[in-house]
């Protein structure tokens, strides 16, 4: 059984090789030249791709460094601005609170006056 397999393998290999040589559309030299051009083009494209990847990696590293340097500065600036706003807003909030208390007192006074006026009108 193995003997028949080996005979078939040998016969198939020889027949395939002869068929390839007889029916090849180009000569061996043309095929080799085309294969060499293809390999050269593929090698050049691979090298260009590797260069592009390296440039992308470098750009990402520069961007990362810039971000790492910028974020603390921006955070500090925002913190300072927020503290300044709070400092400026506190007196305003205190004035607003005082004005609200005065308005509430006026409303209470007006309500009391209105209630008193209503009683006087009812007594008439």
PDB file of N, CA and C in Angstrom:
ATOM      1  N   UNK A   1       0.819  -1.180   0.000  1.00  0.00           N
ATOM      2  CA  UNK A   1       0.000   0.000   0.000  1.00  0.00           C
ATOM      3  C   UNK A   1       0.878   1.266   0.000  1.00  0.00           C
ATOM      4  N   UNK A   2       1.877   1.323   0.902  1.00  0.00           N
ATOM      5  CA  UNK A   2       2.781   2.470   0.923  1.00  0.00           C
ATOM      6  C   UNK A   2       3.587   2.518  -0.364  1.00  0.00           C
ATOM      7  N   UNK A   3       3.914   1.390  -0.891  1.00  0.00           N
ATOM      8  CA  UNK A   3       4.679   1.332  -2.142  1.00  0.00           C
ATOM      9  C   UNK A   3       3.888   1.958  -3.277  1.00  0.00           C
ATOM     10  N   UNK A   4       2.598   1.647  -3.353  1.00  0.00           N
ATOM     11  CA  UNK A   4       1.750   2.235  -4.401  1.00  0.00           C
ATOM     12  C   UNK A   4       1.651   3.761  -4.225  1.00  0.00           C
ATOM     13  N   UNK A   5       1.546   4.191  -2.969  1.00  0.00           N
ATOM     14  CA  UNK A   5       1.466   5.622  -2.682  1.00  0.00           C
ATOM     15  C   UNK A   5       2.732   6.323  -3.164  1.00  0.00           C
ATOM     16  N   UNK A   6       3.902   5.760  -2.841  1.00  0.00           N
ATOM     17  CA  UNK A   6       5.174   6.377  -3.247  1.00  0.00           C
ATOM     18  C   UNK A   6       5.304   6.399  -4.766  1.00  0.00           C
ATOM     19  N   UNK A   7       4.850   5.328  -5.444  1.00  0.00           N
ATOM     20  CA  UNK A   7       4.891   5.302  -6.908  1.00  0.00           C
ATOM     21  C   UNK A   7       3.998   6.405  -7.475  1.00  0.00           C
ATOM     22  N   UNK A   8       2.804   6.556  -6.904  1.00  0.00           N
ATOM     23  CA  UNK A   8       1.874   7.599  -7.374  1.00  0.00           C
ATOM     24  C   UNK A   8       2.441   9.000  -7.121  1.00  0.00           C
ATOM     25  N   UNK A   9       3.074   9.166  -5.965  1.00  0.00           N
ATOM     26  CA  UNK A   9       3.674  10.454  -5.632  1.00  0.00           C
ATOM     27  C   UNK A   9       4.787  10.787  -6.613  1.00  0.00           C
ATOM     28  N   UNK A  10       5.650   9.823  -6.907  1.00  0.00           N
ATOM     29  CA  UNK A  10       6.756  10.035  -7.841  1.00  0.00           C
ATOM     30  C   UNK A  10       6.227  10.330  -9.243  1.00  0.00           C
ATOM     31  N   UNK A  11       5.264   9.537  -9.705  1.00  0.00           N
ATOM     32  CA  UNK A  11       4.693   9.734 -11.024  1.00  0.00           C
ATOM     33  C   UNK A  11       4.007  11.108 -11.121  1.00  0.00           C
ATOM     34  N   UNK A  12       3.250  11.495 -10.082  1.00  0.00           N
ATOM     35  CA  UNK A  12       2.554  12.784 -10.077  1.00  0.00           C
ATOM     36  C   UNK A  12       3.535  13.943 -10.091  1.00  0.00           C
ATOM     37  N   UNK A  13       4.619  13.805  -9.345  1.00  0.00           N
ATOM     38  CA  UNK A  13       5.622  14.877  -9.313  1.00  0.00           C
ATOM     39  C   UNK A  13       6.270  15.056 -10.673  1.00  0.00           C
ATOM     40  N   UNK A  14       6.615  13.955 -11.301  1.00  0.00           N
ATOM     41  CA  UNK A  14       7.257  14.029 -12.629  1.00  0.00           C
ATOM     42  C   UNK A  14       6.288  14.600 -13.650  1.00  0.00           C
ATOM     43  N   UNK A  15       5.035  14.128 -13.616  1.00  0.00           N
ATOM     44  CA  UNK A  15       4.040  14.607 -14.586  1.00  0.00           C
ATOM     45  C   UNK A  15       3.770  16.098 -14.363  1.00  0.00           C
ATOM     46  N   UNK A  16       3.676  16.517 -13.120  1.00  0.00           N
ATOM     47  CA  UNK A  16       3.429  17.929 -12.819  1.00  0.00           C
ATOM     48  C   UNK A  16       4.585  18.803 -13.265  1.00  0.00           C
ATOM     49  N   UNK A  17       5.793  18.365 -13.034  1.00  0.00           N
ATOM     50  CA  UNK A  17       6.969  19.130 -13.458  1.00  0.00           C
ATOM     51  C   UNK A  17       7.032  19.256 -14.964  1.00  0.00           C
ATOM     52  N   UNK A  18       6.819  18.136 -15.674  1.00  0.00           N
ATOM     53  CA  UNK A  18       6.834  18.182 -17.144  1.00  0.00           C
ATOM     54  C   UNK A  18       5.709  19.063 -17.675  1.00  0.00           C
ATOM     55  N   UNK A  19       4.537  18.939 -17.070  1.00  0.00           N
ATOM     56  CA  UNK A  19       3.402  19.765 -17.512  1.00  0.00           C
ATOM     57  C   UNK A  19       3.704  21.247 -17.295  1.00  0.00           C
ATOM     58  N   UNK A  20       4.310  21.567 -16.175  1.00  0.00           N
ATOM     59  CA  UNK A  20       4.653  22.964 -15.894  1.00  0.00           C
ATOM     60  C   UNK A  20       5.649  23.508 -16.898  1.00  0.00           C
ATOM     61  N   UNK A  21       6.620  22.686 -17.252  1.00  0.00           N
ATOM     62  CA  UNK A  21       7.621  23.138 -18.225  1.00  0.00           C
ATOM     63  C   UNK A  21       7.023  23.262 -19.632  1.00  0.00           C
ATOM     64  N   UNK A  22       6.168  22.333 -19.999  1.00  0.00           N
ATOM     65  CA  UNK A  22       5.608  22.341 -21.352  1.00  0.00           C
ATOM     66  C   UNK A  22       4.562  23.440 -21.541  1.00  0.00           C
ATOM     67  N   UNK A  23       3.784  23.691 -20.516  1.00  0.00           N
ATOM     68  CA  UNK A  23       2.669  24.628 -20.665  1.00  0.00           C
ATOM     69  C   UNK A  23       2.895  25.990 -20.006  1.00  0.00           C
ATOM     70  N   UNK A  24       4.092  26.271 -19.585  1.00  0.00           N
ATOM     71  CA  UNK A  24       4.384  27.560 -18.955  1.00  0.00           C
ATOM     72  C   UNK A  24       4.234  28.666 -19.998  1.00  0.00           C
ATOM     73  N   UNK A  25       3.543  29.791 -19.652  1.00  0.00           N
ATOM     74  CA  UNK A  25       3.319  30.851 -20.635  1.00  0.00           C
ATOM     75  C   UNK A  25       4.582  31.659 -20.942  1.00  0.00           C
ATOM     76  N   UNK A  26       5.560  31.600 -20.060  1.00  0.00           N
ATOM     77  CA  UNK A  26       6.784  32.381 -20.259  1.00  0.00           C
ATOM     78  C   UNK A  26       7.988  31.464 -20.100  1.00  0.00           C
ATOM     79  N   UNK A  27       9.106  31.960 -20.605  1.00  0.00           N
ATOM     80  CA  UNK A  27      10.330  31.175 -20.459  1.00  0.00           C
ATOM     81  C   UNK A  27      10.830  31.259 -19.017  1.00  0.00           C
ATOM     82  N   UNK A  28      11.732  30.414 -18.674  1.00  0.00           N
ATOM     83  CA  UNK A  28      12.289  30.390 -17.320  1.00  0.00           C
ATOM     84  C   UNK A  28      12.945  31.712 -16.953  1.00  0.00           C
ATOM     85  N   UNK A  29      13.687  32.304 -17.887  1.00  0.00           N
ATOM     86  CA  UNK A  29      14.348  33.585 -17.624  1.00  0.00           C
ATOM     87  C   UNK A  29      13.318  34.688 -17.371  1.00  0.00           C
ATOM     88  N   UNK A  30      12.259  34.715 -18.197  1.00  0.00           N
ATOM     89  CA  UNK A  30      11.217  35.730 -18.006  1.00  0.00           C
ATOM     90  C   UNK A  30      10.527  35.554 -16.646  1.00  0.00           C
ATOM     91  N   UNK A  31      10.253  34.314 -16.291  1.00  0.00           N
ATOM     92  CA  UNK A  31       9.593  34.035 -15.016  1.00  0.00           C
ATOM     93  C   UNK A  31      10.482  34.449 -13.851  1.00  0.00           C
ATOM     94  N   UNK A  32      11.782  34.139 -13.950  1.00  0.00           N
ATOM     95  CA  UNK A  32      12.718  34.530 -12.884  1.00  0.00           C
ATOM     96  C   UNK A  32      12.807  36.047 -12.769  1.00  0.00           C
ATOM     97  N   UNK A  33      12.887  36.748 -13.908  1.00  0.00           N
ATOM     98  CA  UNK A  33      12.955  38.211 -13.879  1.00  0.00           C
ATOM     99  C   UNK A  33      11.684  38.811 -13.260  1.00  0.00           C
ATOM    100  N   UNK A  34      10.538  38.253 -13.628  1.00  0.00           N
ATOM    101  CA  UNK A  34       9.271  38.741 -13.063  1.00  0.00           C
ATOM    102  C   UNK A  34       9.220  38.484 -11.555  1.00  0.00           C
ATOM    103  N   UNK A  35       9.695  37.321 -11.153  1.00  0.00           N
ATOM    104  CA  UNK A  35       9.717  36.986  -9.732  1.00  0.00           C
ATOM    105  C   UNK A  35      10.667  37.917  -8.973  1.00  0.00           C
ATOM    106  N   UNK A  36      11.816  38.231  -9.561  1.00  0.00           N
ATOM    107  CA  UNK A  36      12.780  39.139  -8.932  1.00  0.00           C
ATOM    108  C   UNK A  36      12.177  40.535  -8.809  1.00  0.00           C
ATOM    109  N   UNK A  37      11.506  41.022  -9.892  1.00  0.00           N
ATOM    110  CA  UNK A  37      10.847  42.339  -9.821  1.00  0.00           C
ATOM    111  C   UNK A  37       9.776  42.348  -8.720  1.00  0.00           C
ATOM    112  N   UNK A  38       8.995  41.285  -8.663  1.00  0.00           N
ATOM    113  CA  UNK A  38       7.942  41.199  -7.645  1.00  0.00           C
ATOM    114  C   UNK A  38       8.548  41.237  -6.241  1.00  0.00           C
ATOM    115  N   UNK A  39       9.615  40.473  -6.033  1.00  0.00           N
ATOM    116  CA  UNK A  39      10.260  40.464  -4.719  1.00  0.00           C
ATOM    117  C   UNK A  39      10.880  41.816  -4.388  1.00  0.00           C
ATOM    118  N   UNK A  40      11.475  42.479  -5.375  1.00  0.00           N
ATOM    119  CA  UNK A  40      12.040  43.817  -5.151  1.00  0.00           C
ATOM    120  C   UNK A  40      10.944  44.816  -4.775  1.00  0.00           C
ATOM    121  N   UNK A  41       9.830  44.786  -5.538  1.00  0.00           N
ATOM    122  CA  UNK A  41       8.709  45.692  -5.241  1.00  0.00           C
ATOM    123  C   UNK A  41       8.139  45.426  -3.853  1.00  0.00           C
ATOM    124  N   UNK A  42       7.987  44.154  -3.515  1.00  0.00           N
ATOM    125  CA  UNK A  42       7.445  43.789  -2.206  1.00  0.00           C
ATOM    126  C   UNK A  42       8.398  44.218  -1.096  1.00  0.00           C
ATOM    127  N   UNK A  43       9.686  44.035  -1.312  1.00  0.00           N
ATOM    128  CA  UNK A  43      10.682  44.446  -0.316  1.00  0.00           C
ATOM    129  C   UNK A  43      10.650  45.956  -0.130  1.00  0.00           C
ATOM    130  N   UNK A  44      10.575  46.699  -1.242  1.00  0.00           N
ATOM    131  CA  UNK A  44      10.518  48.161  -1.152  1.00  0.00           C
ATOM    132  C   UNK A  44       9.249  48.620  -0.421  1.00  0.00           C
ATOM    133  N   UNK A  45       8.118  47.997  -0.736  1.00  0.00           N
ATOM    134  CA  UNK A  45       6.861  48.365  -0.074  1.00  0.00           C
ATOM    135  C   UNK A  45       6.934  48.051   1.423  1.00  0.00           C
ATOM    136  N   UNK A  46       7.548  46.933   1.768  1.00  0.00           N
ATOM    137  CA  UNK A  46       7.697  46.563   3.181  1.00  0.00           C
ATOM    138  C   UNK A  46       8.581  47.561   3.912  1.00  0.00           C
ATOM    139  N   UNK A  47       9.678  47.981   3.277  1.00  0.00           N
ATOM    140  CA  UNK A  47      10.561  48.975   3.894  1.00  0.00           C
ATOM    141  C   UNK A  47       9.843  50.317   4.076  1.00  0.00           C
ATOM    142  N   UNK A  48       9.067  50.725   3.073  1.00  0.00           N
ATOM    143  CA  UNK A  48       8.300  51.974   3.184  1.00  0.00           C
ATOM    144  C   UNK A  48       7.277  51.869   4.313  1.00  0.00           C
ATOM    145  N   UNK A  49       6.626  50.725   4.393  1.00  0.00           N
ATOM    146  CA  UNK A  49       5.646  50.512   5.469  1.00  0.00           C
ATOM    147  C   UNK A  49       6.329  50.588   6.836  1.00  0.00           C
ATOM    148  N   UNK A  50       7.484  49.960   6.957  1.00  0.00           N
ATOM    149  CA  UNK A  50       8.220  50.009   8.229  1.00  0.00           C
ATOM    150  C   UNK A  50       8.613  51.446   8.579  1.00  0.00           C
ATOM    151  N   UNK A  51       9.030  52.222   7.574  1.00  0.00           N
ATOM    152  CA  UNK A  51       9.363  53.637   7.814  1.00  0.00           C
ATOM    153  C   UNK A  51       8.129  54.407   8.282  1.00  0.00           C
ATOM    154  N   UNK A  52       6.995  54.140   7.649  1.00  0.00           N
ATOM    155  CA  UNK A  52       5.752  54.817   8.040  1.00  0.00           C
ATOM    156  C   UNK A  52       5.365  54.462   9.469  1.00  0.00           C
ATOM    157  N   UNK A  53       5.516  53.202   9.821  1.00  0.00           N
ATOM    158  CA  UNK A  53       5.198  52.777  11.186  1.00  0.00           C
ATOM    159  C   UNK A  53       6.130  53.456  12.178  1.00  0.00           C
ATOM    160  N   UNK A  54       7.408  53.563  11.830  1.00  0.00           N
ATOM    161  CA  UNK A  54       8.365  54.232  12.713  1.00  0.00           C
ATOM    162  C   UNK A  54       8.007  55.702  12.880  1.00  0.00           C
ATOM    163  N   UNK A  55       7.645  56.358  11.768  1.00  0.00           N
ATOM    164  CA  UNK A  55       7.263  57.770  11.841  1.00  0.00           C
ATOM    165  C   UNK A  55       6.002  57.940  12.690  1.00  0.00           C
ATOM    166  N   UNK A  56       5.049  57.044  12.529  1.00  0.00           N
ATOM    167  CA  UNK A  56       3.831  57.096  13.343  1.00  0.00           C
ATOM    168  C   UNK A  56       4.160  56.907  14.814  1.00  0.00           C
ATOM    169  N   UNK A  57       5.027  55.966  15.102  1.00  0.00           N
ATOM    170  CA  UNK A  57       5.431  55.715  16.496  1.00  0.00           C
ATOM    171  C   UNK A  57       6.098  56.956  17.081  1.00  0.00           C
ATOM    172  N   UNK A  58       6.991  57.576  16.306  1.00  0.00           N
ATOM    173  CA  UNK A  58       7.661  58.794  16.775  1.00  0.00           C
ATOM    174  C   UNK A  58       6.647  59.918  17.019  1.00  0.00           C
ATOM    175  N   UNK A  59       5.690  60.067  16.096  1.00  0.00           N
ATOM    176  CA  UNK A  59       4.671  61.119  16.250  1.00  0.00           C
ATOM    177  C   UNK A  59       3.817  60.863  17.489  1.00  0.00           C
ATOM    178  N   UNK A  60       3.468  59.620  17.733  1.00  0.00           N
ATOM    179  CA  UNK A  60       2.678  59.280  18.922  1.00  0.00           C
ATOM    180  C   UNK A  60       3.479  59.591  20.186  1.00  0.00           C
ATOM    181  N   UNK A  61       4.753  59.294  20.175  1.00  0.00           N
ATOM    182  CA  UNK A  61       5.582  59.578  21.351  1.00  0.00           C
ATOM    183  C   UNK A  61       5.689  61.078  21.600  1.00  0.00           C
ATOM    184  N   UNK A  62       5.855  61.869  20.530  1.00  0.00           N
ATOM    185  CA  UNK A  62       5.928  63.327  20.676  1.00  0.00           C
ATOM    186  C   UNK A  62       4.604  63.863  21.201  1.00  0.00           C
ATOM    187  N   UNK A  63       3.502  63.356  20.644  1.00  0.00           N
ATOM    188  CA  UNK A  63       2.175  63.790  21.100  1.00  0.00           C
ATOM    189  C   UNK A  63       1.970  63.430  22.561  1.00  0.00           C
ATOM    190  N   UNK A  64       2.362  62.250  22.937  1.00  0.00           N
ATOM    191  CA  UNK A  64       2.215  61.813  24.334  1.00  0.00           C
ATOM    192  C   UNK A  64       3.030  62.715  25.265  1.00  0.00           C
ATOM    193  N   UNK A  65       4.251  63.032  24.854  1.00  0.00           N
ATOM    194  CA  UNK A  65       5.099  63.903  25.665  1.00  0.00           C
ATOM    195  C   UNK A  65       4.463  65.284  25.805  1.00  0.00           C
ATOM    196  N   UNK A  66       3.946  65.807  24.694  1.00  0.00           N
ATOM    197  CA  UNK A  66       3.289  67.117  24.724  1.00  0.00           C
ATOM    198  C   UNK A  66       2.084  67.098  25.654  1.00  0.00           C
ATOM    199  N   UNK A  67       1.293  66.059  25.573  1.00  0.00           N
ATOM    200  CA  UNK A  67       0.126  65.927  26.453  1.00  0.00           C
ATOM    201  C   UNK A  67       0.563  65.854  27.904  1.00  0.00           C
ATOM    202  N   UNK A  68       1.570  65.042  28.175  1.00  0.00           N
ATOM    203  CA  UNK A  68       2.055  64.903  29.556  1.00  0.00           C
ATOM    204  C   UNK A  68       2.569  66.232  30.103  1.00  0.00           C
ATOM    205  N   UNK A  69       3.155  67.067  29.247  1.00  0.00           N
ATOM    206  CA  UNK A  69       3.662  68.367  29.685  1.00  0.00           C
ATOM    207  C   UNK A  69       2.535  69.396  29.808  1.00  0.00           C
ATOM    208  N   UNK A  70       1.521  69.282  28.975  1.00  0.00           N
ATOM    209  CA  UNK A  70       0.462  70.285  28.902  1.00  0.00           C
ATOM    210  C   UNK A  70      -0.601  70.096  29.988  1.00  0.00           C
ATOM    211  N   UNK A  71      -0.975  68.880  30.273  1.00  0.00           N
ATOM    212  CA  UNK A  71      -2.069  68.629  31.222  1.00  0.00           C
ATOM    213  C   UNK A  71      -1.805  69.249  32.593  1.00  0.00           C
ATOM    214  N   UNK A  72      -0.640  69.097  33.204  1.00  0.00           N
ATOM    215  CA  UNK A  72      -0.432  69.735  34.507  1.00  0.00           C
ATOM    216  C   UNK A  72      -0.555  71.257  34.451  1.00  0.00           C
ATOM    217  N   UNK A  73      -0.057  71.877  33.389  1.00  0.00           N
ATOM    218  CA  UNK A  73      -0.131  73.332  33.263  1.00  0.00           C
ATOM    219  C   UNK A  73      -1.590  73.777  33.145  1.00  0.00           C
ATOM    220  N   UNK A  74      -2.348  73.097  32.319  1.00  0.00           N
ATOM    221  CA  UNK A  74      -3.758  73.445  32.132  1.00  0.00           C
ATOM    222  C   UNK A  74      -4.537  73.209  33.422  1.00  0.00           C
ATOM    223  N   UNK A  75      -4.279  72.095  34.089  1.00  0.00           N
ATOM    224  CA  UNK A  75      -4.965  71.793  35.350  1.00  0.00           C
ATOM    225  C   UNK A  75      -4.666  72.868  36.389  1.00  0.00           C
ATOM    226  N   UNK A  76      -3.409  73.260  36.492  1.00  0.00           N
ATOM    227  CA  UNK A  76      -3.030  74.303  37.450  1.00  0.00           C
ATOM    228  C   UNK A  76      -3.713  75.627  37.110  1.00  0.00           C
ATOM    229  N   UNK A  77      -3.768  75.949  35.837  1.00  0.00           N
ATOM    230  CA  UNK A  77      -4.411  77.190  35.404  1.00  0.00           C
ATOM    231  C   UNK A  77      -5.903  77.171  35.743  1.00  0.00           C
ATOM    232  N   UNK A  78      -6.577  76.055  35.463  1.00  0.00           N
ATOM    233  CA  UNK A  78      -7.996  75.939  35.794  1.00  0.00           C
ATOM    234  C   UNK A  78      -8.221  76.059  37.297  1.00  0.00           C
ATOM    235  N   UNK A  79      -7.351  75.434  38.071  1.00  0.00           N
ATOM    236  CA  UNK A  79      -7.482  75.495  39.525  1.00  0.00           C
ATOM    237  C   UNK A  79      -7.342  76.930  40.015  1.00  0.00           C
ATOM    238  N   UNK A  80      -6.356  77.649  39.504  1.00  0.00           N
ATOM    239  CA  UNK A  80      -6.176  79.052  39.892  1.00  0.00           C
ATOM    240  C   UNK A  80      -7.390  79.889  39.495  1.00  0.00           C
ATOM    241  N   UNK A  81      -7.885  79.691  38.282  1.00  0.00           N
ATOM    242  CA  UNK A  81      -9.052  80.447  37.821  1.00  0.00           C
ATOM    243  C   UNK A  81     -10.280  80.147  38.682  1.00  0.00           C
ATOM    244  N   UNK A  82     -10.453  78.898  39.048  1.00  0.00           N
ATOM    245  CA  UNK A  82     -11.588  78.521  39.895  1.00  0.00           C
ATOM    246  C   UNK A  82     -11.476  79.164  41.272  1.00  0.00           C
ATOM    247  N   UNK A  83     -10.296  79.154  41.843  1.00  0.00           N
ATOM    248  CA  UNK A  83     -10.090  79.788  43.152  1.00  0.00           C
ATOM    249  C   UNK A  83     -10.342  81.293  43.065  1.00  0.00           C
ATOM    250  N   UNK A  84      -9.891  81.921  42.003  1.00  0.00           N
ATOM    251  CA  UNK A  84     -10.120  83.361  41.822  1.00  0.00           C
ATOM    252  C   UNK A  84     -11.610  83.638  41.686  1.00  0.00           C
ATOM    253  N   UNK A  85     -12.314  82.792  40.955  1.00  0.00           N
ATOM    254  CA  UNK A  85     -13.750  82.971  40.800  1.00  0.00           C
ATOM    255  C   UNK A  85     -14.463  82.825  42.145  1.00  0.00           C
ATOM    256  N   UNK A  86     -14.077  81.806  42.898  1.00  0.00           N
ATOM    257  CA  UNK A  86     -14.682  81.617  44.229  1.00  0.00           C
ATOM    258  C   UNK A  86     -14.423  82.837  45.104  1.00  0.00           C
ATOM    259  N   UNK A  87     -13.209  83.349  45.066  1.00  0.00           N
ATOM    260  CA  UNK A  87     -12.848  84.515  45.876  1.00  0.00           C
ATOM    261  C   UNK A  87     -13.711  85.707  45.478  1.00  0.00           C
ATOM    262  N   UNK A  88     -13.914  85.894  44.176  1.00  0.00           N
ATOM    263  CA  UNK A  88     -14.718  87.019  43.705  1.00  0.00           C
ATOM    264  C   UNK A  88     -16.207  86.783  43.948  1.00  0.00           C
ATOM    265  N   UNK A  89     -16.647  85.542  43.917  1.00  0.00           N
ATOM    266  CA  UNK A  89     -18.067  85.232  44.044  1.00  0.00           C
ATOM    267  C   UNK A  89     -18.552  85.302  45.495  1.00  0.00           C
ATOM    268  N   UNK A  90     -17.689  85.042  46.452  1.00  0.00           N
ATOM    269  CA  UNK A  90     -18.126  85.012  47.855  1.00  0.00           C
ATOM    270  C   UNK A  90     -18.738  86.332  48.306  1.00  0.00           C
ATOM    271  N   UNK A  91     -18.119  87.490  48.056  1.00  0.00           N
ATOM    272  CA  UNK A  91     -18.768  88.741  48.458  1.00  0.00           C
ATOM    273  C   UNK A  91     -20.100  88.960  47.729  1.00  0.00           C
ATOM    274  N   UNK A  92     -20.158  88.594  46.482  1.00  0.00           N
ATOM    275  CA  UNK A  92     -21.402  88.737  45.732  1.00  0.00           C
ATOM    276  C   UNK A  92     -22.492  87.867  46.340  1.00  0.00           C
ATOM    277  N   UNK A  93     -22.136  86.641  46.678  1.00  0.00           N
ATOM    278  CA  UNK A  93     -23.117  85.742  47.291  1.00  0.00           C
ATOM    279  C   UNK A  93     -23.588  86.289  48.643  1.00  0.00           C
ATOM    280  N   UNK A  94     -22.677  86.865  49.384  1.00  0.00           N
ATOM    281  CA  UNK A  94     -23.058  87.448  50.677  1.00  0.00           C
ATOM    282  C   UNK A  94     -24.029  88.605  50.457  1.00  0.00           C
ATOM    283  N   UNK A  95     -23.778  89.457  49.452  1.00  0.00           N
ATOM    284  CA  UNK A  95     -24.688  90.566  49.153  1.00  0.00           C
ATOM    285  C   UNK A  95     -26.052  90.043  48.714  1.00  0.00           C
ATOM    286  N   UNK A  96     -26.044  89.010  47.894  1.00  0.00           N
ATOM    287  CA  UNK A  96     -27.308  88.419  47.431  1.00  0.00           C
ATOM    288  C   UNK A  96     -28.088  87.871  48.624  1.00  0.00           C
ATOM    289  N   UNK A  97     -27.405  87.213  49.535  1.00  0.00           N
ATOM    290  CA  UNK A  97     -28.065  86.659  50.725  1.00  0.00           C
ATOM    291  C   UNK A  97     -28.677  87.784  51.565  1.00  0.00           C
ATOM    292  N   UNK A  98     -27.942  88.879  51.755  1.00  0.00           N
ATOM    293  CA  UNK A  98     -28.450  90.024  52.516  1.00  0.00           C
ATOM    294  C   UNK A  98     -29.682  90.618  51.831  1.00  0.00           C
ATOM    295  N   UNK A  99     -29.617  90.756  50.518  1.00  0.00           N
ATOM    296  CA  UNK A  99     -30.750  91.300  49.778  1.00  0.00           C
ATOM    297  C   UNK A  99     -31.967  90.372  49.870  1.00  0.00           C
ATOM    298  N   UNK A 100     -31.730  89.058  49.831  1.00  0.00           N
ATOM    299  CA  UNK A 100     -32.831  88.099  49.976  1.00  0.00           C
ATOM    300  C   UNK A 100     -33.478  88.229  51.353  1.00  0.00           C
ATOM    301  N   UNK A 101     -32.676  88.397  52.382  1.00  0.00           N
ATOM    302  CA  UNK A 101     -33.219  88.566  53.730  1.00  0.00           C
ATOM    303  C   UNK A 101     -34.053  89.846  53.806  1.00  0.00           C
ATOM    304  N   UNK A 102     -33.566  90.930  53.199  1.00  0.00           N
ATOM    305  CA  UNK A 102     -34.316  92.183  53.193  1.00  0.00           C
ATOM    306  C   UNK A 102     -35.633  92.030  52.434  1.00  0.00           C
ATOM    307  N   UNK A 103     -35.583  91.337  51.304  1.00  0.00           N
ATOM    308  CA  UNK A 103     -36.816  91.114  50.548  1.00  0.00           C
ATOM    309  C   UNK A 103     -37.821  90.296  51.360  1.00  0.00           C
ATOM    310  N   UNK A 104     -37.315  89.265  52.034  1.00  0.00           N
ATOM    311  CA  UNK A 104     -38.207  88.449  52.870  1.00  0.00           C
ATOM    312  C   UNK A 104     -38.831  89.303  53.979  1.00  0.00           C
ATOM    313  N   UNK A 105     -38.056  90.195  54.568  1.00  0.00           N
ATOM    314  CA  UNK A 105     -38.605  91.082  55.600  1.00  0.00           C
ATOM    315  C   UNK A 105     -39.675  91.995  54.998  1.00  0.00           C
ATOM    316  N   UNK A 106     -39.413  92.537  53.826  1.00  0.00           N
ATOM    317  CA  UNK A 106     -40.393  93.398  53.169  1.00  0.00           C
ATOM    318  C   UNK A 106     -41.665  92.612  52.852  1.00  0.00           C
ATOM    319  N   UNK A 107     -41.495  91.403  52.358  1.00  0.00           N
ATOM    320  CA  UNK A 107     -42.665  90.565  52.040  1.00  0.00           C
ATOM    321  C   UNK A 107     -43.478  90.301  53.306  1.00  0.00           C
ATOM    322  N   UNK A 108     -42.783  89.963  54.393  1.00  0.00           N
ATOM    323  CA  UNK A 108     -43.480  89.714  55.668  1.00  0.00           C
ATOM    324  C   UNK A 108     -44.217  90.975  56.106  1.00  0.00           C
ATOM    325  N   UNK A 109     -43.573  92.114  56.006  1.00  0.00           N
ATOM    326  CA  UNK A 109     -44.205  93.390  56.377  1.00  0.00           C
ATOM    327  C   UNK A 109     -45.416  93.662  55.498  1.00  0.00           C
ATOM    328  N   UNK A 110     -45.279  93.465  54.197  1.00  0.00           N
ATOM    329  CA  UNK A 110     -46.392  93.710  53.268  1.00  0.00           C
ATOM    330  C   UNK A 110     -47.540  92.752  53.551  1.00  0.00           C
ATOM    331  N   UNK A 111     -47.220  91.497  53.839  1.00  0.00           N
ATOM    332  CA  UNK A 111     -48.273  90.533  54.147  1.00  0.00           C
ATOM    333  C   UNK A 111     -49.016  90.932  55.426  1.00  0.00           C
ATOM    334  N   UNK A 112     -48.250  91.340  56.426  1.00  0.00           N
ATOM    335  CA  UNK A 112     -48.882  91.773  57.682  1.00  0.00           C
ATOM    336  C   UNK A 112     -49.744  93.001  57.440  1.00  0.00           C
ATOM    337  N   UNK A 113     -49.240  93.956  56.681  1.00  0.00           N
ATOM    338  CA  UNK A 113     -49.997  95.177  56.368  1.00  0.00           C
ATOM    339  C   UNK A 113     -51.249  94.828  55.582  1.00  0.00           C
ATOM    340  N   UNK A 114     -51.114  93.903  54.645  1.00  0.00           N
ATOM    341  CA  UNK A 114     -52.238  93.487  53.819  1.00  0.00           C
ATOM    342  C   UNK A 114     -53.298  92.815  54.685  1.00  0.00           C
ATOM    343  N   UNK A 115     -52.862  91.969  55.610  1.00  0.00           N
ATOM    344  CA  UNK A 115     -53.810  91.306  56.502  1.00  0.00           C
ATOM    345  C   UNK A 115     -54.527  92.327  57.367  1.00  0.00           C
ATOM    346  N   UNK A 116     -53.807  93.300  57.863  1.00  0.00           N
ATOM    347  CA  UNK A 116     -54.396  94.358  58.701  1.00  0.00           C
ATOM    348  C   UNK A 116     -55.385  95.188  57.895  1.00  0.00           C
ATOM    349  N   UNK A 117     -55.024  95.524  56.642  1.00  0.00           N
ATOM    350  CA  UNK A 117     -55.920  96.295  55.776  1.00  0.00           C
ATOM    351  C   UNK A 117     -57.179  95.500  55.476  1.00  0.00           C
ATOM    352  N   UNK A 118     -57.037  94.199  55.272  1.00  0.00           N
ATOM    353  CA  UNK A 118     -58.188  93.353  54.988  1.00  0.00           C
ATOM    354  C   UNK A 118     -59.153  93.345  56.176  1.00  0.00           C
ATOM    355  N   UNK A 119     -58.592  93.252  57.382  1.00  0.00           N
ATOM    356  CA  UNK A 119     -59.438  93.261  58.593  1.00  0.00           C
ATOM    357  C   UNK A 119     -60.184  94.605  58.714  1.00  0.00           C
ATOM    358  N   UNK A 120     -59.508  95.687  58.410  1.00  0.00           N
ATOM    359  CA  UNK A 120     -60.145  97.005  58.504  1.00  0.00           C
ATOM    360  C   UNK A 120     -61.257  97.137  57.482  1.00  0.00           C
ATOM    361  N   UNK A 121     -61.040  96.600  56.289  1.00  0.00           N
ATOM    362  CA  UNK A 121     -62.057  96.657  55.244  1.00  0.00           C
ATOM    363  C   UNK A 121     -63.261  95.818  55.642  1.00  0.00           C
ATOM    364  N   UNK A 122     -63.011  94.681  56.245  1.00  0.00           N
ATOM    365  CA  UNK A 122     -64.094  93.800  56.667  1.00  0.00           C
ATOM    366  C   UNK A 122     -64.914  94.455  57.789  1.00  0.00           C
ATOM    367  N   UNK A 123     -64.252  95.229  58.647  1.00  0.00           N
ATOM    368  CA  UNK A 123     -64.944  95.898  59.760  1.00  0.00           C
ATOM    369  C   UNK A 123     -65.766  97.073  59.272  1.00  0.00           C
ATOM    370  N   UNK A 124     -65.591  97.561  58.133  1.00  0.00           N
ATOM    371  CA  UNK A 124     -66.347  98.712  57.638  1.00  0.00           C
ATOM    372  C   UNK A 124     -67.683  98.309  57.268  1.00  0.00           C
TER     373      UNK A 124
END
